[in-house]
Amino acid sequence: MSDHYTFFEAGIPIVYPFAGYISDYHRPADNRDKLDMGRIARSALFVTRLVRLLAEHPGPIRIDPSIEVAPPPDPFERE
């Protein structure tokens, strides 16, 4: 379970951007040679733009009430 989950459980909106999974994610064969720097750069740009939009948003940020359930669990989540 990731750190952001406790915020989600408390009803605090979360954003969990990252550059994607690889088949060896968090396994011994997971090394820097498998990094996709293009995806990482695009993720960083997305986060930069999102933070700017949130910082400049007038008033509180509200959760869309039409979203009734969380997205499906991560297929790579390990216990």
N, C-alpha and C. Protein backbone atom coordinates (compact mmCIF):
# COMPACT_ATOMS: atom_id res chain seq x y z
N MET A 1 0.86 -1.17 0.00
CA MET A 1 0.00 0.00 0.00
C MET A 1 0.91 1.24 0.00
N SER A 2 0.52 2.25 -0.74
CA SER A 2 1.31 3.47 -0.85
C SER A 2 0.91 4.49 0.21
N ASP A 3 1.76 5.47 0.40
CA ASP A 3 1.53 6.50 1.42
C ASP A 3 0.26 7.30 1.19
N HIS A 4 -0.12 7.48 -0.07
CA HIS A 4 -1.26 8.33 -0.37
C HIS A 4 -2.59 7.70 0.06
N TYR A 5 -2.61 6.40 0.31
CA TYR A 5 -3.87 5.72 0.58
C TYR A 5 -4.55 6.20 1.86
N THR A 6 -3.77 6.54 2.88
CA THR A 6 -4.38 7.01 4.12
C THR A 6 -5.11 8.34 3.90
N PHE A 7 -4.59 9.18 3.01
CA PHE A 7 -5.29 10.41 2.68
C PHE A 7 -6.61 10.09 1.97
N PHE A 8 -6.55 9.15 1.03
CA PHE A 8 -7.75 8.74 0.32
C PHE A 8 -8.81 8.22 1.30
N GLU A 9 -8.40 7.38 2.23
CA GLU A 9 -9.35 6.84 3.22
C GLU A 9 -9.98 7.94 4.08
N ALA A 10 -9.23 9.01 4.31
CA ALA A 10 -9.74 10.12 5.12
C ALA A 10 -10.59 11.10 4.30
N GLY A 11 -10.77 10.80 2.99
CA GLY A 11 -11.58 11.66 2.15
C GLY A 11 -10.84 12.86 1.59
N ILE A 12 -9.51 12.84 1.70
CA ILE A 12 -8.69 13.92 1.17
C ILE A 12 -8.33 13.57 -0.27
N PRO A 13 -8.63 14.46 -1.22
CA PRO A 13 -8.32 14.15 -2.62
C PRO A 13 -6.82 13.89 -2.81
N ILE A 14 -6.52 12.95 -3.67
CA ILE A 14 -5.13 12.59 -3.94
C ILE A 14 -4.89 12.58 -5.45
N VAL A 15 -3.65 12.73 -5.81
CA VAL A 15 -3.20 12.54 -7.19
C VAL A 15 -1.97 11.65 -7.08
N TYR A 16 -1.92 10.63 -7.90
CA TYR A 16 -0.82 9.66 -7.82
C TYR A 16 -0.18 9.51 -9.20
N PRO A 17 0.54 10.53 -9.64
CA PRO A 17 1.18 10.41 -10.95
C PRO A 17 2.49 9.65 -10.86
N PHE A 18 2.78 8.90 -11.88
CA PHE A 18 4.06 8.22 -11.99
C PHE A 18 4.23 7.81 -13.43
N ALA A 19 5.39 7.29 -13.75
CA ALA A 19 5.73 7.05 -15.16
C ALA A 19 5.36 5.66 -15.66
N GLY A 20 4.63 4.88 -14.90
CA GLY A 20 4.18 3.57 -15.37
C GLY A 20 4.95 2.41 -14.79
N TYR A 21 4.37 1.25 -14.90
CA TYR A 21 4.97 0.02 -14.38
C TYR A 21 5.78 -0.70 -15.45
N ILE A 22 6.72 -1.46 -14.99
CA ILE A 22 7.45 -2.40 -15.84
C ILE A 22 7.25 -3.77 -15.23
N SER A 23 7.53 -4.81 -15.96
CA SER A 23 7.29 -6.16 -15.44
C SER A 23 8.14 -6.48 -14.21
N ASP A 24 9.28 -5.82 -14.05
CA ASP A 24 10.16 -6.07 -12.90
C ASP A 24 9.98 -5.05 -11.79
N TYR A 25 8.90 -4.28 -11.80
CA TYR A 25 8.67 -3.21 -10.83
C TYR A 25 8.84 -3.72 -9.40
N HIS A 26 9.72 -3.08 -8.65
CA HIS A 26 10.03 -3.42 -7.25
C HIS A 26 10.52 -4.85 -7.08
N ARG A 27 11.20 -5.35 -8.04
CA ARG A 27 11.82 -6.68 -7.97
C ARG A 27 13.33 -6.50 -8.14
N PRO A 28 14.11 -7.52 -7.81
CA PRO A 28 15.57 -7.38 -7.92
C PRO A 28 16.08 -6.95 -9.29
N ALA A 29 15.39 -7.33 -10.35
CA ALA A 29 15.84 -6.96 -11.70
C ALA A 29 15.43 -5.54 -12.10
N ASP A 30 14.71 -4.84 -11.23
CA ASP A 30 14.28 -3.47 -11.50
C ASP A 30 15.50 -2.55 -11.34
N ASN A 31 15.98 -2.02 -12.45
CA ASN A 31 17.17 -1.15 -12.38
C ASN A 31 16.99 0.06 -13.29
N ARG A 32 17.91 0.99 -13.20
CA ARG A 32 17.77 2.25 -13.92
C ARG A 32 17.79 2.12 -15.43
N ASP A 33 18.32 1.03 -15.94
CA ASP A 33 18.33 0.82 -17.39
C ASP A 33 16.92 0.70 -17.97
N LYS A 34 15.96 0.40 -17.12
CA LYS A 34 14.58 0.22 -17.58
C LYS A 34 13.75 1.48 -17.45
N LEU A 35 14.35 2.57 -16.96
CA LEU A 35 13.61 3.82 -16.83
C LEU A 35 13.27 4.38 -18.21
N ASP A 36 12.07 4.87 -18.35
CA ASP A 36 11.64 5.53 -19.57
C ASP A 36 11.66 7.03 -19.28
N MET A 37 12.78 7.66 -19.60
CA MET A 37 12.97 9.06 -19.25
C MET A 37 11.94 9.97 -19.92
N GLY A 38 11.47 9.60 -21.09
CA GLY A 38 10.43 10.39 -21.74
C GLY A 38 9.15 10.39 -20.93
N ARG A 39 8.75 9.22 -20.45
CA ARG A 39 7.53 9.15 -19.63
C ARG A 39 7.71 9.88 -18.31
N ILE A 40 8.90 9.78 -17.73
CA ILE A 40 9.16 10.48 -16.48
C ILE A 40 9.07 11.99 -16.70
N ALA A 41 9.65 12.46 -17.79
CA ALA A 41 9.60 13.89 -18.10
C ALA A 41 8.17 14.36 -18.32
N ARG A 42 7.37 13.56 -19.05
CA ARG A 42 5.97 13.94 -19.28
C ARG A 42 5.18 13.94 -17.97
N SER A 43 5.46 12.98 -17.08
CA SER A 43 4.79 12.95 -15.77
C SER A 43 5.16 14.18 -14.96
N ALA A 44 6.43 14.56 -14.99
CA ALA A 44 6.88 15.75 -14.24
C ALA A 44 6.22 17.01 -14.79
N LEU A 45 6.10 17.12 -16.09
CA LEU A 45 5.44 18.26 -16.70
C LEU A 45 3.96 18.31 -16.31
N PHE A 46 3.32 17.17 -16.32
CA PHE A 46 1.91 17.08 -15.90
C PHE A 46 1.76 17.58 -14.47
N VAL A 47 2.61 17.10 -13.57
CA VAL A 47 2.52 17.50 -12.16
C VAL A 47 2.77 19.00 -12.02
N THR A 48 3.75 19.53 -12.74
CA THR A 48 4.03 20.95 -12.70
C THR A 48 2.81 21.76 -13.11
N ARG A 49 2.18 21.37 -14.20
CA ARG A 49 0.99 22.09 -14.67
C ARG A 49 -0.18 21.94 -13.70
N LEU A 50 -0.34 20.75 -13.15
CA LEU A 50 -1.43 20.52 -12.20
C LEU A 50 -1.24 21.37 -10.95
N VAL A 51 -0.04 21.41 -10.41
CA VAL A 51 0.22 22.21 -9.21
C VAL A 51 -0.05 23.68 -9.49
N ARG A 52 0.37 24.16 -10.66
CA ARG A 52 0.11 25.56 -11.01
C ARG A 52 -1.40 25.83 -11.10
N LEU A 53 -2.14 24.94 -11.75
CA LEU A 53 -3.59 25.12 -11.84
C LEU A 53 -4.24 25.13 -10.47
N LEU A 54 -3.82 24.22 -9.60
CA LEU A 54 -4.40 24.17 -8.26
C LEU A 54 -4.04 25.41 -7.45
N ALA A 55 -2.81 25.88 -7.59
CA ALA A 55 -2.38 27.06 -6.84
C ALA A 55 -3.13 28.31 -7.29
N GLU A 56 -3.48 28.38 -8.56
CA GLU A 56 -4.15 29.56 -9.10
C GLU A 56 -5.68 29.45 -9.06
N HIS A 57 -6.19 28.31 -8.63
CA HIS A 57 -7.64 28.09 -8.60
C HIS A 57 -8.28 28.96 -7.51
N PRO A 58 -9.30 29.73 -7.88
CA PRO A 58 -9.96 30.56 -6.87
C PRO A 58 -10.85 29.70 -5.97
N GLY A 59 -10.68 29.79 -4.70
CA GLY A 59 -11.52 29.06 -3.77
C GLY A 59 -11.07 27.64 -3.55
N PRO A 60 -11.84 26.89 -2.76
CA PRO A 60 -11.43 25.51 -2.44
C PRO A 60 -11.59 24.57 -3.64
N ILE A 61 -10.81 23.53 -3.61
CA ILE A 61 -10.90 22.48 -4.63
C ILE A 61 -11.94 21.48 -4.13
N ARG A 62 -12.88 21.15 -4.96
CA ARG A 62 -13.95 20.23 -4.55
C ARG A 62 -13.88 18.94 -5.37
N ILE A 63 -14.28 17.85 -4.74
CA ILE A 63 -14.35 16.57 -5.42
C ILE A 63 -15.63 16.52 -6.25
N ASP A 64 -15.55 15.99 -7.44
CA ASP A 64 -16.71 15.85 -8.31
C ASP A 64 -17.67 14.85 -7.68
N PRO A 65 -18.88 15.26 -7.30
CA PRO A 65 -19.81 14.34 -6.64
C PRO A 65 -20.29 13.20 -7.54
N SER A 66 -20.08 13.33 -8.85
CA SER A 66 -20.51 12.24 -9.73
C SER A 66 -19.57 11.03 -9.65
N ILE A 67 -18.39 11.22 -9.05
CA ILE A 67 -17.46 10.10 -8.89
C ILE A 67 -17.84 9.37 -7.60
N GLU A 68 -18.42 8.21 -7.75
CA GLU A 68 -18.95 7.49 -6.60
C GLU A 68 -18.04 6.40 -6.07
N VAL A 69 -17.10 5.94 -6.90
CA VAL A 69 -16.22 4.86 -6.45
C VAL A 69 -14.79 5.17 -6.88
N ALA A 70 -13.86 4.60 -6.16
CA ALA A 70 -12.45 4.76 -6.51
C ALA A 70 -12.16 3.95 -7.77
N PRO A 71 -11.08 4.28 -8.47
CA PRO A 71 -10.69 3.47 -9.62
C PRO A 71 -10.38 2.05 -9.19
N PRO A 72 -10.38 1.11 -10.12
CA PRO A 72 -10.08 -0.27 -9.75
C PRO A 72 -8.69 -0.37 -9.12
N PRO A 73 -8.50 -1.37 -8.27
CA PRO A 73 -7.20 -1.52 -7.62
C PRO A 73 -6.08 -1.72 -8.63
N ASP A 74 -4.93 -1.32 -8.21
CA ASP A 74 -3.74 -1.44 -9.05
C ASP A 74 -3.40 -2.92 -9.23
N PRO A 75 -3.29 -3.40 -10.46
CA PRO A 75 -3.00 -4.83 -10.66
C PRO A 75 -1.60 -5.21 -10.20
N PHE A 76 -0.73 -4.24 -9.96
CA PHE A 76 0.62 -4.54 -9.51
C PHE A 76 0.79 -4.37 -8.00
N GLU A 77 -0.28 -3.98 -7.31
CA GLU A 77 -0.18 -3.81 -5.86
C GLU A 77 0.15 -5.14 -5.21
N ARG A 78 1.12 -5.11 -4.37
CA ARG A 78 1.54 -6.33 -3.68
C ARG A 78 1.35 -6.17 -2.19
N GLU A 79 0.97 -7.22 -1.52
CA GLU A 79 0.76 -7.15 -0.06
C GLU A 79 2.07 -7.33 0.65
